[in-house]
Amino acid sequence: MRVTIEDVPQVKLGSKGVLIRIRDERAGKNVGKLWIGQANLRWAKGSVPEKNAKTISMSEFVDYLNSIT
């Protein structure tokens, strides 16, 4: 797998947030993209456009992480 961070703002996350792209280099395909913003996270599996990404609030994401530890 290759993970890249694109469009990284300086220190604070702006309205655009941070885009993390995940690719399976062996299979040569796009696994998905994860947008991390101040208020929420958006996940798009494969080549799904951002407008169709699944969204979860930051508090829901933190609750999920706490539940798996």
PDB file of N, CA and C in Angstrom:
ATOM      1  N   MET A   1       0.835  -1.175   0.000  1.00  0.00           N
ATOM      2  CA  MET A   1       0.000   0.000   0.000  1.00  0.00           C
ATOM      3  C   MET A   1       0.881   1.240   0.000  1.00  0.00           C
ATOM      4  N   ARG A   2       0.407   2.247  -0.662  1.00  0.00           N
ATOM      5  CA  ARG A   2       1.081   3.548  -0.631  1.00  0.00           C
ATOM      6  C   ARG A   2       0.066   4.565  -0.139  1.00  0.00           C
ATOM      7  N   VAL A   3       0.442   5.309   0.880  1.00  0.00           N
ATOM      8  CA  VAL A   3      -0.424   6.329   1.449  1.00  0.00           C
ATOM      9  C   VAL A   3       0.240   7.671   1.230  1.00  0.00           C
ATOM     10  N   THR A   4      -0.495   8.613   0.636  1.00  0.00           N
ATOM     11  CA  THR A   4       0.046   9.953   0.418  1.00  0.00           C
ATOM     12  C   THR A   4      -0.896  10.984   1.011  1.00  0.00           C
ATOM     13  N   ILE A   5      -0.315  12.080   1.459  1.00  0.00           N
ATOM     14  CA  ILE A   5      -1.099  13.202   1.966  1.00  0.00           C
ATOM     15  C   ILE A   5      -0.999  14.307   0.943  1.00  0.00           C
ATOM     16  N   GLU A   6      -2.140  14.839   0.534  1.00  0.00           N
ATOM     17  CA  GLU A   6      -2.179  15.868  -0.489  1.00  0.00           C
ATOM     18  C   GLU A   6      -2.830  17.124   0.051  1.00  0.00           C
ATOM     19  N   ASP A   7      -2.491  18.259  -0.516  1.00  0.00           N
ATOM     20  CA  ASP A   7      -3.096  19.542  -0.150  1.00  0.00           C
ATOM     21  C   ASP A   7      -2.999  19.815   1.344  1.00  0.00           C
ATOM     22  N   VAL A   8      -1.801  19.652   1.919  1.00  0.00           N
ATOM     23  CA  VAL A   8      -1.621  19.821   3.352  1.00  0.00           C
ATOM     24  C   VAL A   8      -1.541  21.310   3.699  1.00  0.00           C
ATOM     25  N   PRO A   9      -2.490  21.806   4.511  1.00  0.00           N
ATOM     26  CA  PRO A   9      -2.385  23.184   4.990  1.00  0.00           C
ATOM     27  C   PRO A   9      -1.210  23.303   5.955  1.00  0.00           C
ATOM     28  N   GLN A  10      -0.874  24.505   6.344  1.00  0.00           N
ATOM     29  CA  GLN A  10       0.290  24.686   7.201  1.00  0.00           C
ATOM     30  C   GLN A  10       0.103  24.067   8.580  1.00  0.00           C
ATOM     31  N   VAL A  11      -0.600  24.707   9.488  1.00  0.00           N
ATOM     32  CA  VAL A  11      -0.742  24.159  10.830  1.00  0.00           C
ATOM     33  C   VAL A  11      -2.183  23.782  11.125  1.00  0.00           C
ATOM     34  N   LYS A  12      -3.088  24.722  10.990  1.00  0.00           N
ATOM     35  CA  LYS A  12      -4.495  24.454  11.269  1.00  0.00           C
ATOM     36  C   LYS A  12      -5.169  23.917  10.010  1.00  0.00           C
ATOM     37  N   LEU A  13      -6.160  23.066  10.225  1.00  0.00           N
ATOM     38  CA  LEU A  13      -6.934  22.586   9.091  1.00  0.00           C
ATOM     39  C   LEU A  13      -7.881  23.692   8.657  1.00  0.00           C
ATOM     40  N   GLY A  14      -7.801  24.056   7.416  1.00  0.00           N
ATOM     41  CA  GLY A  14      -8.715  25.058   6.895  1.00  0.00           C
ATOM     42  C   GLY A  14     -10.032  24.411   6.511  1.00  0.00           C
ATOM     43  N   SER A  15     -10.806  25.093   5.728  1.00  0.00           N
ATOM     44  CA  SER A  15     -12.100  24.554   5.324  1.00  0.00           C
ATOM     45  C   SER A  15     -11.943  23.336   4.418  1.00  0.00           C
ATOM     46  N   LYS A  16     -10.812  23.225   3.741  1.00  0.00           N
ATOM     47  CA  LYS A  16     -10.570  22.093   2.845  1.00  0.00           C
ATOM     48  C   LYS A  16     -10.100  20.844   3.586  1.00  0.00           C
ATOM     49  N   GLY A  17      -9.427  21.023   4.714  1.00  0.00           N
ATOM     50  CA  GLY A  17      -8.912  19.884   5.457  1.00  0.00           C
ATOM     51  C   GLY A  17      -7.702  19.267   4.779  1.00  0.00           C
ATOM     52  N   VAL A  18      -7.482  17.984   5.028  1.00  0.00           N
ATOM     53  CA  VAL A  18      -6.345  17.239   4.492  1.00  0.00           C
ATOM     54  C   VAL A  18      -6.878  16.036   3.722  1.00  0.00           C
ATOM     55  N   LEU A  19      -6.299  15.783   2.566  1.00  0.00           N
ATOM     56  CA  LEU A  19      -6.682  14.624   1.758  1.00  0.00           C
ATOM     57  C   LEU A  19      -5.596  13.562   1.869  1.00  0.00           C
ATOM     58  N   ILE A  20      -5.992  12.355   2.276  1.00  0.00           N
ATOM     59  CA  ILE A  20      -5.075  11.213   2.324  1.00  0.00           C
ATOM     60  C   ILE A  20      -5.549  10.223   1.267  1.00  0.00           C
ATOM     61  N   ARG A  21      -4.673   9.917   0.331  1.00  0.00           N
ATOM     62  CA  ARG A  21      -5.003   8.983  -0.757  1.00  0.00           C
ATOM     63  C   ARG A  21      -4.303   7.652  -0.463  1.00  0.00           C
ATOM     64  N   ILE A  22      -5.038   6.542  -0.611  1.00  0.00           N
ATOM     65  CA  ILE A  22      -4.497   5.214  -0.344  1.00  0.00           C
ATOM     66  C   ILE A  22      -4.582   4.391  -1.626  1.00  0.00           C
ATOM     67  N   ARG A  23      -3.420   3.871  -2.048  1.00  0.00           N
ATOM     68  CA  ARG A  23      -3.349   3.073  -3.284  1.00  0.00           C
ATOM     69  C   ARG A  23      -2.710   1.729  -2.997  1.00  0.00           C
ATOM     70  N   ASP A  24      -3.196   0.703  -3.675  1.00  0.00           N
ATOM     71  CA  ASP A  24      -2.588  -0.621  -3.631  1.00  0.00           C
ATOM     72  C   ASP A  24      -1.685  -0.707  -4.850  1.00  0.00           C
ATOM     73  N   GLU A  25      -0.406  -0.524  -4.626  1.00  0.00           N
ATOM     74  CA  GLU A  25       0.529  -0.469  -5.758  1.00  0.00           C
ATOM     75  C   GLU A  25       0.683  -1.813  -6.453  1.00  0.00           C
ATOM     76  N   ARG A  26       0.572  -2.904  -5.703  1.00  0.00           N
ATOM     77  CA  ARG A  26       0.707  -4.219  -6.338  1.00  0.00           C
ATOM     78  C   ARG A  26      -0.416  -4.468  -7.329  1.00  0.00           C
ATOM     79  N   ALA A  27      -1.626  -4.093  -6.950  1.00  0.00           N
ATOM     80  CA  ALA A  27      -2.782  -4.290  -7.838  1.00  0.00           C
ATOM     81  C   ALA A  27      -2.970  -3.108  -8.776  1.00  0.00           C
ATOM     82  N   GLY A  28      -2.255  -2.023  -8.518  1.00  0.00           N
ATOM     83  CA  GLY A  28      -2.366  -0.848  -9.373  1.00  0.00           C
ATOM     84  C   GLY A  28      -3.719  -0.171  -9.319  1.00  0.00           C
ATOM     85  N   LYS A  29      -4.332  -0.177  -8.125  1.00  0.00           N
ATOM     86  CA  LYS A  29      -5.654   0.444  -8.048  1.00  0.00           C
ATOM     87  C   LYS A  29      -5.756   1.387  -6.853  1.00  0.00           C
ATOM     88  N   ASN A  30      -6.728   2.271  -6.944  1.00  0.00           N
ATOM     89  CA  ASN A  30      -7.001   3.244  -5.905  1.00  0.00           C
ATOM     90  C   ASN A  30      -7.886   2.586  -4.847  1.00  0.00           C
ATOM     91  N   VAL A  31      -7.405   2.462  -3.598  1.00  0.00           N
ATOM     92  CA  VAL A  31      -8.204   1.874  -2.519  1.00  0.00           C
ATOM     93  C   VAL A  31      -9.253   2.870  -2.049  1.00  0.00           C
ATOM     94  N   GLY A  32      -8.848   4.133  -1.918  1.00  0.00           N
ATOM     95  CA  GLY A  32      -9.804   5.152  -1.516  1.00  0.00           C
ATOM     96  C   GLY A  32      -9.135   6.439  -1.095  1.00  0.00           C
ATOM     97  N   LYS A  33      -9.983   7.407  -0.703  1.00  0.00           N
ATOM     98  CA  LYS A  33      -9.495   8.715  -0.260  1.00  0.00           C
ATOM     99  C   LYS A  33     -10.186   9.067   1.043  1.00  0.00           C
ATOM    100  N   LEU A  34      -9.421   9.665   1.953  1.00  0.00           N
ATOM    101  CA  LEU A  34      -9.947  10.086   3.243  1.00  0.00           C
ATOM    102  C   LEU A  34      -9.682  11.570   3.405  1.00  0.00           C
ATOM    103  N   TRP A  35     -10.754  12.346   3.570  1.00  0.00           N
ATOM    104  CA  TRP A  35     -10.629  13.783   3.824  1.00  0.00           C
ATOM    105  C   TRP A  35     -10.820  13.995   5.316  1.00  0.00           C
ATOM    106  N   ILE A  36      -9.880  14.676   5.967  1.00  0.00           N
ATOM    107  CA  ILE A  36      -9.975  14.970   7.389  1.00  0.00           C
ATOM    108  C   ILE A  36     -10.115  16.468   7.548  1.00  0.00           C
ATOM    109  N   GLY A  37     -11.231  16.888   8.102  1.00  0.00           N
ATOM    110  CA  GLY A  37     -11.482  18.300   8.344  1.00  0.00           C
ATOM    111  C   GLY A  37     -11.620  18.563   9.830  1.00  0.00           C
ATOM    112  N   GLN A  38     -11.908  19.790  10.195  1.00  0.00           N
ATOM    113  CA  GLN A  38     -12.066  20.125  11.605  1.00  0.00           C
ATOM    114  C   GLN A  38     -13.337  19.515  12.188  1.00  0.00           C
ATOM    115  N   ALA A  39     -14.393  19.428  11.417  1.00  0.00           N
ATOM    116  CA  ALA A  39     -15.680  18.973  11.940  1.00  0.00           C
ATOM    117  C   ALA A  39     -16.006  17.527  11.599  1.00  0.00           C
ATOM    118  N   ASN A  40     -15.459  17.008  10.472  1.00  0.00           N
ATOM    119  CA  ASN A  40     -15.831  15.659  10.081  1.00  0.00           C
ATOM    120  C   ASN A  40     -14.763  14.990   9.242  1.00  0.00           C
ATOM    121  N   LEU A  41     -14.982  13.699   8.990  1.00  0.00           N
ATOM    122  CA  LEU A  41     -14.149  12.911   8.101  1.00  0.00           C
ATOM    123  C   LEU A  41     -15.033  12.416   6.980  1.00  0.00           C
ATOM    124  N   ARG A  42     -14.464  12.321   5.778  1.00  0.00           N
ATOM    125  CA  ARG A  42     -15.194  11.784   4.636  1.00  0.00           C
ATOM    126  C   ARG A  42     -14.343  10.681   4.007  1.00  0.00           C
ATOM    127  N   TRP A  43     -14.973   9.547   3.690  1.00  0.00           N
ATOM    128  CA  TRP A  43     -14.283   8.417   3.075  1.00  0.00           C
ATOM    129  C   TRP A  43     -14.948   8.081   1.755  1.00  0.00           C
ATOM    130  N   ALA A  44     -14.132   7.944   0.721  1.00  0.00           N
ATOM    131  CA  ALA A  44     -14.614   7.522  -0.590  1.00  0.00           C
ATOM    132  C   ALA A  44     -13.819   6.289  -1.001  1.00  0.00           C
ATOM    133  N   LYS A  45     -14.489   5.160  -1.099  1.00  0.00           N
ATOM    134  CA  LYS A  45     -13.855   3.906  -1.494  1.00  0.00           C
ATOM    135  C   LYS A  45     -13.592   3.923  -2.991  1.00  0.00           C
ATOM    136  N   GLY A  46     -12.417   3.465  -3.385  1.00  0.00           N
ATOM    137  CA  GLY A  46     -12.069   3.404  -4.798  1.00  0.00           C
ATOM    138  C   GLY A  46     -12.010   4.775  -5.427  1.00  0.00           C
ATOM    139  N   SER A  47     -12.667   4.927  -6.550  1.00  0.00           N
ATOM    140  CA  SER A  47     -12.640   6.191  -7.289  1.00  0.00           C
ATOM    141  C   SER A  47     -13.945   6.972  -7.155  1.00  0.00           C
ATOM    142  N   VAL A  48     -14.662   6.751  -6.071  1.00  0.00           N
ATOM    143  CA  VAL A  48     -15.912   7.471  -5.821  1.00  0.00           C
ATOM    144  C   VAL A  48     -15.588   8.959  -5.646  1.00  0.00           C
ATOM    145  N   PRO A  49     -16.346   9.861  -6.282  1.00  0.00           N
ATOM    146  CA  PRO A  49     -16.062  11.292  -6.121  1.00  0.00           C
ATOM    147  C   PRO A  49     -16.378  11.774  -4.704  1.00  0.00           C
ATOM    148  N   GLU A  50     -15.745  12.882  -4.331  1.00  0.00           N
ATOM    149  CA  GLU A  50     -15.894  13.421  -2.979  1.00  0.00           C
ATOM    150  C   GLU A  50     -17.348  13.686  -2.617  1.00  0.00           C
ATOM    151  N   LYS A  51     -18.136  14.141  -3.571  1.00  0.00           N
ATOM    152  CA  LYS A  51     -19.540  14.454  -3.263  1.00  0.00           C
ATOM    153  C   LYS A  51     -20.326  13.221  -2.837  1.00  0.00           C
ATOM    154  N   ASN A  52     -19.857  12.013  -3.174  1.00  0.00           N
ATOM    155  CA  ASN A  52     -20.537  10.769  -2.798  1.00  0.00           C
ATOM    156  C   ASN A  52     -19.839  10.041  -1.651  1.00  0.00           C
ATOM    157  N   ALA A  53     -18.878  10.706  -1.019  1.00  0.00           N
ATOM    158  CA  ALA A  53     -18.143  10.088   0.081  1.00  0.00           C
ATOM    159  C   ALA A  53     -19.034   9.941   1.305  1.00  0.00           C
ATOM    160  N   LYS A  54     -18.736   8.947   2.116  1.00  0.00           N
ATOM    161  CA  LYS A  54     -19.438   8.759   3.380  1.00  0.00           C
ATOM    162  C   LYS A  54     -18.854   9.740   4.383  1.00  0.00           C
ATOM    163  N   THR A  55     -19.710  10.364   5.198  1.00  0.00           N
ATOM    164  CA  THR A  55     -19.278  11.380   6.150  1.00  0.00           C
ATOM    165  C   THR A  55     -19.592  10.940   7.568  1.00  0.00           C
ATOM    166  N   ILE A  56     -18.662  11.218   8.486  1.00  0.00           N
ATOM    167  CA  ILE A  56     -18.859  10.956   9.907  1.00  0.00           C
ATOM    168  C   ILE A  56     -18.321  12.165  10.666  1.00  0.00           C
ATOM    169  N   SER A  57     -19.015  12.560  11.718  1.00  0.00           N
ATOM    170  CA  SER A  57     -18.549  13.711  12.492  1.00  0.00           C
ATOM    171  C   SER A  57     -17.292  13.330  13.266  1.00  0.00           C
ATOM    172  N   MET A  58     -16.512  14.322  13.644  1.00  0.00           N
ATOM    173  CA  MET A  58     -15.287  14.074  14.385  1.00  0.00           C
ATOM    174  C   MET A  58     -15.603  13.423  15.735  1.00  0.00           C
ATOM    175  N   SER A  59     -16.684  13.851  16.393  1.00  0.00           N
ATOM    176  CA  SER A  59     -17.035  13.249  17.687  1.00  0.00           C
ATOM    177  C   SER A  59     -17.457  11.785  17.518  1.00  0.00           C
ATOM    178  N   GLU A  60     -18.185  11.457  16.445  1.00  0.00           N
ATOM    179  CA  GLU A  60     -18.544  10.057  16.182  1.00  0.00           C
ATOM    180  C   GLU A  60     -17.288   9.224  15.909  1.00  0.00           C
ATOM    181  N   PHE A  61     -16.332   9.805  15.192  1.00  0.00           N
ATOM    182  CA  PHE A  61     -15.084   9.111  14.886  1.00  0.00           C
ATOM    183  C   PHE A  61     -14.289   8.838  16.161  1.00  0.00           C
ATOM    184  N   VAL A  62     -14.206   9.820  17.041  1.00  0.00           N
ATOM    185  CA  VAL A  62     -13.491   9.642  18.311  1.00  0.00           C
ATOM    186  C   VAL A  62     -14.186   8.571  19.153  1.00  0.00           C
ATOM    187  N   ASP A  63     -15.515   8.593  19.192  1.00  0.00           N
ATOM    188  CA  ASP A  63     -16.259   7.564  19.930  1.00  0.00           C
ATOM    189  C   ASP A  63     -15.966   6.178  19.358  1.00  0.00           C
ATOM    190  N   TYR A  64     -15.919   6.075  18.025  1.00  0.00           N
ATOM    191  CA  TYR A  64     -15.599   4.794  17.385  1.00  0.00           C
ATOM    192  C   TYR A  64     -14.200   4.318  17.773  1.00  0.00           C
ATOM    193  N   LEU A  65     -13.220   5.210  17.714  1.00  0.00           N
ATOM    194  CA  LEU A  65     -11.851   4.832  18.094  1.00  0.00           C
ATOM    195  C   LEU A  65     -11.778   4.391  19.540  1.00  0.00           C
ATOM    196  N   ASN A  66     -12.470   5.088  20.417  1.00  0.00           N
ATOM    197  CA  ASN A  66     -12.467   4.702  21.827  1.00  0.00           C
ATOM    198  C   ASN A  66     -13.129   3.349  22.042  1.00  0.00           C
ATOM    199  N   SER A  67     -14.076   2.985  21.206  1.00  0.00           N
ATOM    200  CA  SER A  67     -14.772   1.722  21.364  1.00  0.00           C
ATOM    201  C   SER A  67     -13.921   0.519  20.937  1.00  0.00           C
ATOM    202  N   ILE A  68     -12.917   0.728  20.106  1.00  0.00           N
ATOM    203  CA  ILE A  68     -12.102  -0.407  19.623  1.00  0.00           C
ATOM    204  C   ILE A  68     -10.800  -0.586  20.400  1.00  0.00           C
ATOM    205  N   THR A  69     -10.566   0.267  21.372  1.00  0.00           N
ATOM    206  CA  THR A  69      -9.309   0.123  22.133  1.00  0.00           C
ATOM    207  C   THR A  69      -9.491  -0.704  23.370  1.00  0.00           C
TER     208      THR A  69
END
